[in-house]
Amino acid sequence: MQHRFLLQPRWVAFHVLVLVAVPVCAALGLWQFQRYNEHNDGGKSEKTAVSAEPAVALGQELDGGHTVATKDRGRNVFVEGRYDAARQLVVPGRELDGRDGSYILTPLQPAGEPELRVLVVRGWTAGAPDPAAVPVPAGDVRVTGRLELSETEHGSGIDRIPGLPAGQVSIIHTPELVNVLPYRLYDGYVALTAQDPADASGLVPVPPAKTQKSGGISGRAWQNLGYTAQWFVFAGASVFLWWRVVRREIEERDEAEQARALRELGLEPAS
């Protein structure tokens, strides 16, 4: 049988390697395409969908975890604890009804979690006050609010403000704030809607966050799209390599067989 060599152990191993490589590359390509769809914005700004469900405990909503996921955005939660007034931050460059102002961001230590803090946007105020000038409730409080994702420049459409003084940050980006605050943080934040006892600082509740959609493909989306193409090229290249190696082996064996037949006839094969 002309192609029986393909059943030799080394060739079987080669076939198996290609059979594994092709679906793996295809799966990685599909995964990168999914990531591309997640990062491709489509050109609109959308507000967080605010849940109408009653508030539940923060730990219950996050299933005992510490990360606000996309599915949690807009959900109403409550958390009891104490504010850390000494670590209060101001987030300038936030407009409300056409007025320039700032968000007041205060870490809250949840009861029973001494190593963790949840970031609470207590409200909006005009201008950019000194963090120490905005009063913080003392003692135990019960905060009710809306869960929001950790902000990013691309995802929120918020531009960074260079040269901010100490106590001010441009965006509520948890991975950066862990370098500003001396403790572990919940990833995401709570936008305060109610508090017991009531907050007498006069802050205005902030509107639902918007997800910025830029109208084009982001740099991260382009990167994912490039990886998608790359993995499918690898899958196609694996098939092509298999076909080329097998074809070359067949041709070399045919040439060797022809040369052997000529030698048996007493003829020298052409060089």
Protein backbone atom coordinates (compact mmCIF):
# COMPACT_ATOMS: atom_id res chain seq x y z
CA MET A 1 0.00 0.00 0.00
CA GLN A 2 1.59 3.25 -1.18
CA HIS A 3 0.75 5.38 1.86
CA ARG A 4 1.17 2.81 4.61
CA PHE A 5 4.14 4.81 5.92
CA LEU A 6 1.60 7.29 7.31
CA LEU A 7 0.72 4.66 9.95
CA GLN A 8 4.24 4.47 11.30
CA PRO A 9 4.54 5.65 14.95
CA ARG A 10 6.41 8.88 14.16
CA TRP A 11 3.85 9.81 11.52
CA VAL A 12 0.94 8.96 13.83
CA ALA A 13 2.49 11.26 16.44
CA PHE A 14 2.75 13.99 13.80
CA HIS A 15 -0.93 13.54 12.86
CA VAL A 16 -2.00 13.71 16.51
CA LEU A 17 0.07 16.87 17.07
CA VAL A 18 -1.65 18.60 14.15
CA LEU A 19 -5.10 17.33 15.20
CA VAL A 20 -4.54 18.86 18.64
CA ALA A 21 -2.95 22.10 17.41
CA VAL A 22 -5.76 23.02 14.99
CA PRO A 23 -8.71 23.02 17.46
CA VAL A 24 -6.58 24.63 20.18
CA CYS A 25 -5.61 27.49 17.84
CA ALA A 26 -9.22 27.82 16.67
CA ALA A 27 -10.49 27.92 20.27
CA LEU A 28 -7.96 30.60 21.20
CA GLY A 29 -8.99 32.57 18.11
CA LEU A 30 -12.66 32.39 19.10
CA TRP A 31 -11.79 33.46 22.64
CA GLN A 32 -9.86 36.49 21.37
CA PHE A 33 -12.81 37.35 19.11
CA GLN A 34 -15.09 37.24 22.13
CA ARG A 35 -12.70 39.59 23.94
CA TYR A 36 -12.78 41.86 20.87
CA ASN A 37 -16.57 42.06 21.06
CA GLU A 38 -16.35 42.92 24.77
CA HIS A 39 -13.88 45.78 24.12
CA ASN A 40 -15.52 47.07 20.93
CA ASP A 41 -17.76 49.90 22.04
CA GLY A 42 -19.96 50.76 19.09
CA GLY A 43 -20.20 54.52 19.65
CA LYS A 44 -22.63 55.35 22.45
CA SER A 45 -22.64 56.33 26.11
CA GLU A 46 -24.99 54.27 28.22
CA LYS A 47 -26.03 54.76 31.83
CA THR A 48 -25.92 51.95 34.32
CA ALA A 49 -29.26 50.17 34.47
CA VAL A 50 -30.50 50.88 37.99
CA SER A 51 -32.14 47.90 39.67
CA ALA A 52 -35.56 48.29 41.24
CA GLU A 53 -34.89 45.39 43.61
CA PRO A 54 -34.67 46.09 47.35
CA ALA A 55 -31.18 46.57 48.74
CA VAL A 56 -29.37 43.44 49.89
CA ALA A 57 -26.21 43.05 51.96
CA LEU A 58 -23.04 43.80 49.99
CA GLY A 59 -21.56 40.38 50.74
CA GLN A 60 -24.77 38.67 49.64
CA GLU A 61 -24.83 40.49 46.30
CA LEU A 62 -21.17 39.69 45.64
CA ASP A 63 -21.58 36.08 46.83
CA GLY A 64 -18.96 36.65 49.49
CA GLY A 65 -16.44 38.00 46.99
CA HIS A 66 -14.85 41.43 46.79
CA THR A 67 -15.27 42.38 43.11
CA VAL A 68 -18.16 44.27 41.52
CA ALA A 69 -18.77 42.41 38.26
CA THR A 70 -20.74 43.62 35.23
CA LYS A 71 -23.80 41.70 36.40
CA ASP A 72 -23.71 43.63 39.69
CA ARG A 73 -23.77 47.14 38.19
CA GLY A 74 -26.77 49.17 39.33
CA ARG A 75 -27.77 46.70 42.05
CA ASN A 76 -28.88 48.19 45.38
CA VAL A 77 -26.86 47.10 48.40
CA PHE A 78 -26.32 48.12 51.99
CA VAL A 79 -23.24 47.88 54.15
CA GLU A 80 -22.66 48.78 57.77
CA GLY A 81 -19.39 50.08 59.13
CA ARG A 82 -17.31 53.19 59.83
CA TYR A 83 -15.86 55.77 57.47
CA ASP A 84 -12.12 56.48 57.41
CA ALA A 85 -12.27 60.28 57.42
CA ALA A 86 -8.48 60.62 57.33
CA ARG A 87 -8.33 58.89 53.92
CA GLN A 88 -11.15 60.76 52.21
CA LEU A 89 -10.47 61.68 48.57
CA VAL A 90 -11.84 64.24 46.12
CA VAL A 91 -12.49 63.28 42.49
CA PRO A 92 -12.56 66.57 40.51
CA GLY A 93 -13.79 67.20 36.98
CA ARG A 94 -17.29 65.76 37.49
CA GLU A 95 -20.19 67.73 36.05
CA LEU A 96 -23.73 67.69 37.38
CA ASP A 97 -26.52 69.59 35.62
CA GLY A 98 -23.92 71.61 33.70
CA ARG A 99 -22.00 72.63 36.84
CA ASP A 100 -18.40 71.68 37.43
CA GLY A 101 -17.66 69.89 40.66
CA SER A 102 -16.23 66.84 42.36
CA TYR A 103 -17.22 63.51 43.80
CA ILE A 104 -16.40 62.89 47.45
CA LEU A 105 -14.91 59.42 47.84
CA THR A 106 -14.67 58.00 51.35
CA PRO A 107 -13.41 54.53 52.31
CA LEU A 108 -15.71 52.59 54.61
CA GLN A 109 -14.57 49.74 56.85
CA PRO A 110 -17.38 47.14 56.78
CA ALA A 111 -18.27 45.69 60.16
CA GLY A 112 -16.33 42.50 60.79
CA GLU A 113 -13.81 43.11 57.97
CA PRO A 114 -10.86 44.96 59.54
CA GLU A 115 -8.52 44.36 56.58
CA LEU A 116 -10.91 45.55 53.87
CA ARG A 117 -12.48 48.84 52.80
CA VAL A 118 -15.29 49.56 50.38
CA LEU A 119 -15.12 52.83 48.45
CA VAL A 120 -18.23 54.98 48.86
CA VAL A 121 -18.99 57.94 46.62
CA ARG A 122 -20.91 59.93 49.18
CA GLY A 123 -22.04 62.55 46.68
CA TRP A 124 -21.23 65.52 44.47
CA THR A 125 -20.21 69.02 45.51
CA ALA A 126 -19.36 72.16 43.57
CA GLY A 127 -15.71 72.98 42.96
CA ALA A 128 -12.83 70.91 44.26
CA PRO A 129 -12.72 71.30 48.05
CA ASP A 130 -9.97 70.12 50.33
CA PRO A 131 -10.83 66.54 51.41
CA ALA A 132 -10.51 67.53 55.06
CA ALA A 133 -13.04 70.34 54.57
CA VAL A 134 -15.92 67.96 53.79
CA PRO A 135 -17.33 66.58 57.06
CA VAL A 136 -17.50 62.82 57.50
CA PRO A 137 -20.04 61.14 59.79
CA ALA A 138 -18.41 59.64 62.87
CA GLY A 139 -19.34 56.33 64.40
CA ASP A 140 -21.27 53.44 62.88
CA VAL A 141 -23.32 54.09 59.75
CA ARG A 142 -25.51 52.04 57.47
CA VAL A 143 -24.88 52.99 53.86
CA THR A 144 -27.32 52.12 51.11
CA GLY A 145 -26.22 52.64 47.54
CA ARG A 146 -25.80 51.53 43.97
CA LEU A 147 -22.94 49.28 42.91
CA GLU A 148 -20.66 50.66 40.19
CA LEU A 149 -17.68 49.18 38.40
CA SER A 150 -14.15 50.40 38.95
CA GLU A 151 -13.66 53.20 36.40
CA THR A 152 -11.23 53.12 33.47
CA GLU A 153 -10.35 55.92 31.06
CA HIS A 154 -11.66 54.04 28.05
CA GLY A 155 -14.68 52.45 29.70
CA SER A 156 -15.92 55.65 31.36
CA GLY A 157 -14.72 58.24 28.86
CA ILE A 158 -13.17 60.23 31.71
CA ASP A 159 -9.91 62.03 30.97
CA ARG A 160 -7.17 62.12 33.55
CA ILE A 161 -6.35 65.49 35.09
CA PRO A 162 -2.58 65.99 35.32
CA GLY A 163 -0.83 67.48 38.33
CA LEU A 164 -3.52 66.86 40.93
CA PRO A 165 -2.58 67.69 44.53
CA ALA A 166 -2.50 65.09 47.28
CA GLY A 167 -5.97 63.94 48.25
CA GLN A 168 -7.36 64.15 44.70
CA VAL A 169 -7.66 61.45 42.03
CA SER A 170 -8.91 61.63 38.44
CA ILE A 171 -10.77 58.36 38.27
CA ILE A 172 -12.10 55.81 40.73
CA HIS A 173 -9.82 53.04 39.51
CA THR A 174 -9.33 50.44 42.22
CA PRO A 175 -6.02 48.97 40.92
CA GLU A 176 -4.49 52.45 41.29
CA LEU A 177 -6.18 53.33 44.57
CA VAL A 178 -4.66 50.32 46.32
CA ASN A 179 -1.37 52.21 45.91
CA VAL A 180 -2.89 55.35 47.46
CA LEU A 181 -4.76 53.78 50.35
CA PRO A 182 -3.02 51.54 52.90
CA TYR A 183 -5.41 48.58 52.85
CA ARG A 184 -7.18 46.10 50.60
CA LEU A 185 -10.18 47.38 48.67
CA TYR A 186 -13.33 46.00 47.19
CA ASP A 187 -12.94 46.27 43.41
CA GLY A 188 -15.62 48.79 42.41
CA TYR A 189 -17.54 51.25 44.54
CA VAL A 190 -20.89 52.12 46.08
CA ALA A 191 -22.68 55.31 45.01
CA LEU A 192 -24.53 56.40 48.14
CA THR A 193 -28.30 56.88 47.90
CA ALA A 194 -29.24 56.80 51.59
CA GLN A 195 -27.52 56.67 54.96
CA ASP A 196 -28.51 56.06 58.55
CA PRO A 197 -27.87 58.30 60.39
CA ALA A 198 -28.41 60.81 57.62
CA ASP A 199 -25.40 62.59 56.12
CA ALA A 200 -25.52 66.29 57.00
CA SER A 201 -22.71 67.33 54.66
CA GLY A 202 -25.11 68.57 51.95
CA LEU A 203 -23.64 66.39 49.19
CA VAL A 204 -25.80 65.69 46.13
CA PRO A 205 -26.30 62.02 45.20
CA VAL A 206 -24.41 61.19 42.02
CA PRO A 207 -26.19 59.99 38.88
CA PRO A 208 -25.68 56.46 37.53
CA ALA A 209 -22.28 55.98 35.90
CA LYS A 210 -22.05 55.92 32.14
CA THR A 211 -20.19 53.44 30.00
CA GLN A 212 -18.46 55.44 27.32
CA LYS A 213 -18.62 54.11 23.78
CA SER A 214 -16.23 55.92 21.52
CA GLY A 215 -17.77 55.29 18.11
CA GLY A 216 -14.79 53.30 16.94
CA ILE A 217 -12.66 50.34 17.81
CA SER A 218 -10.45 50.81 20.84
CA GLY A 219 -6.78 49.97 20.92
CA ARG A 220 -7.48 46.96 23.14
CA ALA A 221 -10.17 45.76 20.71
CA TRP A 222 -7.75 46.10 17.76
CA GLN A 223 -5.24 44.04 19.74
CA ASN A 224 -7.79 41.31 20.36
CA LEU A 225 -8.79 41.34 16.69
CA GLY A 226 -5.14 40.96 15.69
CA TYR A 227 -4.74 38.01 18.04
CA THR A 228 -7.92 36.48 16.58
CA ALA A 229 -6.45 36.60 13.08
CA GLN A 230 -3.10 35.32 14.38
CA TRP A 231 -4.57 32.20 15.98
CA PHE A 232 -6.63 31.31 12.92
CA VAL A 233 -3.53 31.79 10.75
CA PHE A 234 -1.71 29.38 13.07
CA ALA A 235 -4.54 26.86 12.65
CA GLY A 236 -4.40 27.16 8.87
CA ALA A 237 -0.61 27.00 8.89
CA SER A 238 -0.74 23.76 10.89
CA VAL A 239 -2.96 22.14 8.26
CA PHE A 240 -0.77 23.47 5.43
CA LEU A 241 2.38 22.22 7.14
CA TRP A 242 0.88 18.75 7.56
CA TRP A 243 -0.19 18.64 3.89
CA ARG A 244 3.21 19.91 2.68
CA VAL A 245 5.24 17.44 4.76
CA VAL A 246 3.09 14.47 3.74
CA ARG A 247 3.14 15.50 0.07
CA ARG A 248 6.92 15.92 0.08
CA GLU A 249 7.40 12.50 1.70
CA ILE A 250 5.18 10.90 -0.95
CA GLU A 251 7.10 12.62 -3.76
CA GLU A 252 10.47 11.55 -2.34
CA ARG A 253 9.27 7.97 -1.95
CA ASP A 254 7.92 7.98 -5.54
CA GLU A 255 11.25 9.30 -6.83
CA ALA A 256 13.15 6.65 -4.85
CA GLU A 257 10.86 3.92 -6.21
CA GLN A 258 11.36 5.11 -9.78
CA ALA A 259 15.15 5.19 -9.31
CA ARG A 260 15.10 1.65 -7.90
CA ALA A 261 13.06 0.39 -10.86
CA LEU A 262 15.48 1.95 -13.33
CA ARG A 263 18.45 0.37 -11.58
CA GLU A 264 16.77 -3.04 -11.78
CA LEU A 265 16.45 -2.51 -15.54
CA GLY A 266 20.12 -1.62 -15.75
CA LEU A 267 19.39 2.02 -16.43
CA GLU A 268 20.85 4.91 -14.57
CA PRO A 269 18.28 7.45 -13.39
CA ALA A 270 18.69 10.96 -14.79
CA SER A 271 20.56 13.24 -12.37
